Protein backbone atom coordinates (compact mmCIF):
# COMPACT_ATOMS: atom_id res chain seq x y z
CA MET A 1 42.46 14.11 14.94
CA LYS A 2 41.19 10.68 16.19
CA ILE A 3 40.10 10.10 19.56
CA GLY A 4 42.95 8.27 20.48
CA GLU A 5 45.38 10.64 19.26
CA LEU A 6 43.57 13.28 21.36
CA ALA A 7 43.77 11.10 24.60
CA LYS A 8 47.53 11.00 23.93
CA VAL A 9 48.00 14.34 23.60
CA THR A 10 46.18 15.25 26.61
CA GLY A 11 46.79 12.47 29.07
CA LEU A 12 43.05 11.51 29.33
CA THR A 13 41.35 8.42 28.46
CA PRO A 14 38.88 8.28 25.37
CA SER A 15 36.33 7.58 27.80
CA ARG A 16 36.81 10.35 29.98
CA ILE A 17 36.93 12.93 26.84
CA ARG A 18 33.20 11.23 25.35
CA PHE A 19 32.30 11.60 28.83
CA TYR A 20 33.21 15.43 28.55
CA GLU A 21 31.46 15.25 24.97
CA ALA A 22 28.28 13.80 26.96
CA GLU A 23 27.94 16.39 29.30
CA GLY A 24 28.52 19.64 26.86
CA LEU A 25 31.86 20.79 28.03
CA ILE A 26 33.46 20.11 24.37
CA SER A 27 31.47 20.26 21.23
CA PRO A 28 30.61 16.97 19.42
CA PRO A 29 33.28 16.67 16.72
CA GLN A 30 32.81 16.05 12.92
CA ARG A 31 32.65 12.60 11.87
CA GLN A 32 34.56 10.87 9.34
CA SER A 33 32.86 8.96 6.65
CA ASN A 34 33.58 5.81 8.71
CA GLY A 35 32.04 6.99 12.04
CA TYR A 36 34.97 8.17 13.87
CA ARG A 37 35.12 11.13 15.66
CA ASN A 38 37.60 14.01 14.02
CA TYR A 39 38.90 16.57 16.82
CA SER A 40 40.36 19.85 16.22
CA ALA A 41 43.42 20.88 17.63
CA GLU A 42 41.53 23.53 19.75
CA VAL A 43 39.70 20.80 21.80
CA ALA A 44 43.12 19.55 23.10
CA ASN A 45 43.73 22.81 24.61
CA LEU A 46 40.06 23.31 25.63
CA LEU A 47 40.36 19.77 27.57
CA LYS A 48 43.98 20.80 29.19
CA ILE A 49 42.11 23.29 30.70
CA ILE A 50 38.80 21.34 31.59
CA ASP A 51 41.46 18.77 33.30
CA ASN A 52 43.37 21.49 34.72
CA ALA A 53 40.26 22.91 36.53
CA GLN A 54 38.76 19.88 37.77
CA ARG A 55 41.84 18.99 39.41
CA ALA A 56 41.68 22.61 41.17
CA GLY A 57 38.70 21.45 42.65
CA PHE A 58 35.98 23.09 40.26
CA SER A 59 32.85 21.25 39.72
CA LEU A 60 31.57 20.23 36.27
CA GLY A 61 28.66 22.83 36.41
CA GLN A 62 31.43 25.36 37.73
CA ILE A 63 34.06 24.83 34.66
CA ARG A 64 30.83 24.89 32.16
CA CYS A 65 29.98 28.67 33.51
CA PHE A 66 33.29 29.92 32.52
CA LEU A 67 34.03 27.68 29.24
CA PRO A 68 32.74 29.59 25.99
CA GLN A 69 30.19 28.76 23.83
CA GLU A 70 32.10 28.86 20.93
CA GLN A 71 35.77 27.92 21.18
CA LYS A 72 37.36 30.95 19.89
CA LYS A 73 35.15 33.41 22.02
CA TRP A 74 36.43 33.17 25.66
CA ASP A 75 35.21 35.60 28.54
CA HIS A 76 38.51 36.60 29.70
CA GLU A 77 36.83 38.81 32.36
CA GLY A 78 34.56 35.77 33.24
CA LEU A 79 37.21 33.04 33.94
CA ILE A 80 40.06 35.41 35.74
CA GLN A 81 36.40 36.20 38.36
CA SER A 82 35.83 32.64 38.53
CA LEU A 83 39.44 31.27 39.43
CA GLU A 84 40.18 34.30 41.73
CA LYS A 85 36.86 33.18 43.18
CA ARG A 86 38.36 29.36 42.96
CA ILE A 87 41.70 30.87 45.15
CA ALA A 88 39.82 32.50 47.75
CA GLU A 89 37.68 29.40 48.57
CA ILE A 90 40.81 27.63 48.16
CA GLU A 91 42.39 30.06 50.72
CA LEU A 92 39.59 29.78 52.84
CA MET A 93 39.78 26.12 53.05
CA GLN A 94 43.54 26.36 54.03
CA LYS A 95 42.78 28.74 56.97
CA GLN A 96 40.47 26.39 58.19
CA LEU A 97 42.75 23.04 57.65
CA GLU A 98 45.40 25.22 59.42
CA GLU A 99 43.18 25.83 62.55
CA SER A 100 41.88 21.84 62.30
CA LYS A 101 45.46 20.82 62.57
CA SER A 102 46.21 23.39 65.47
CA GLU A 103 43.55 21.82 67.50
CA LEU A 104 44.50 18.23 66.68
CA LEU A 105 48.07 19.10 67.61
CA SER A 106 47.02 20.56 70.88
CA LEU A 107 45.12 17.31 71.46
CA ILE A 108 48.21 15.03 70.66
CA ALA A 109 50.30 17.09 72.96
CA SER A 110 47.79 16.89 75.74
CA ILE A 111 47.17 13.56 75.76
CA ALA A 112 51.16 12.71 74.96
CA ASN A 113 51.74 14.42 78.03
CA ARG A 114 49.46 12.89 80.60
CA PRO A 115 50.22 13.60 83.93
CA ASP A 116 51.23 10.16 85.89
CA GLY A 117 48.06 9.01 88.18
CA ILE A 118 45.44 10.31 85.76
CA SER A 119 43.43 7.76 83.34
CA CYS A 120 43.43 8.35 79.91
CA GLU A 121 39.72 8.71 79.96
CA ASP A 122 40.34 11.65 82.38
CA ASN A 123 42.91 13.07 80.93
CA MET A 124 41.14 13.36 77.46
CA ALA A 125 37.91 15.10 79.65
CA ALA A 126 40.59 17.52 80.61
CA ALA A 127 41.68 17.97 77.13
CA ASP A 128 38.07 18.37 75.68
CA ARG A 129 37.73 20.93 78.33
CA ALA A 130 41.03 23.09 77.45
CA ILE A 131 40.37 22.92 73.95
CA ALA A 132 36.34 24.48 74.31
């Protein structure tokens, strides 16, 4: 299929597809006699995996590590390990974000419940001491 067709199937722009090709994430396609790229159906599936992995937060280098050298020879164990590792990283980030959120909510409560007669500056200093 031509790059325009591949773009429609995958939801990616032709420039993004060419970028992934230039980065070595997909193999260069065969060229037709007129110079047009001719992609196989397997490339569409591979591009969807690459796009999903990027949206899940994988860097191109990380994606490159778990993609097969040959499209039909996937390392299932390696892929599962990479995905499980990313899930653990996301869970850690979620925990850290939840802790940050809790601290910010406490700070908001301290600021919102400022006693009468105390300046905002003094209240902030007291809130800083309470968080530390």
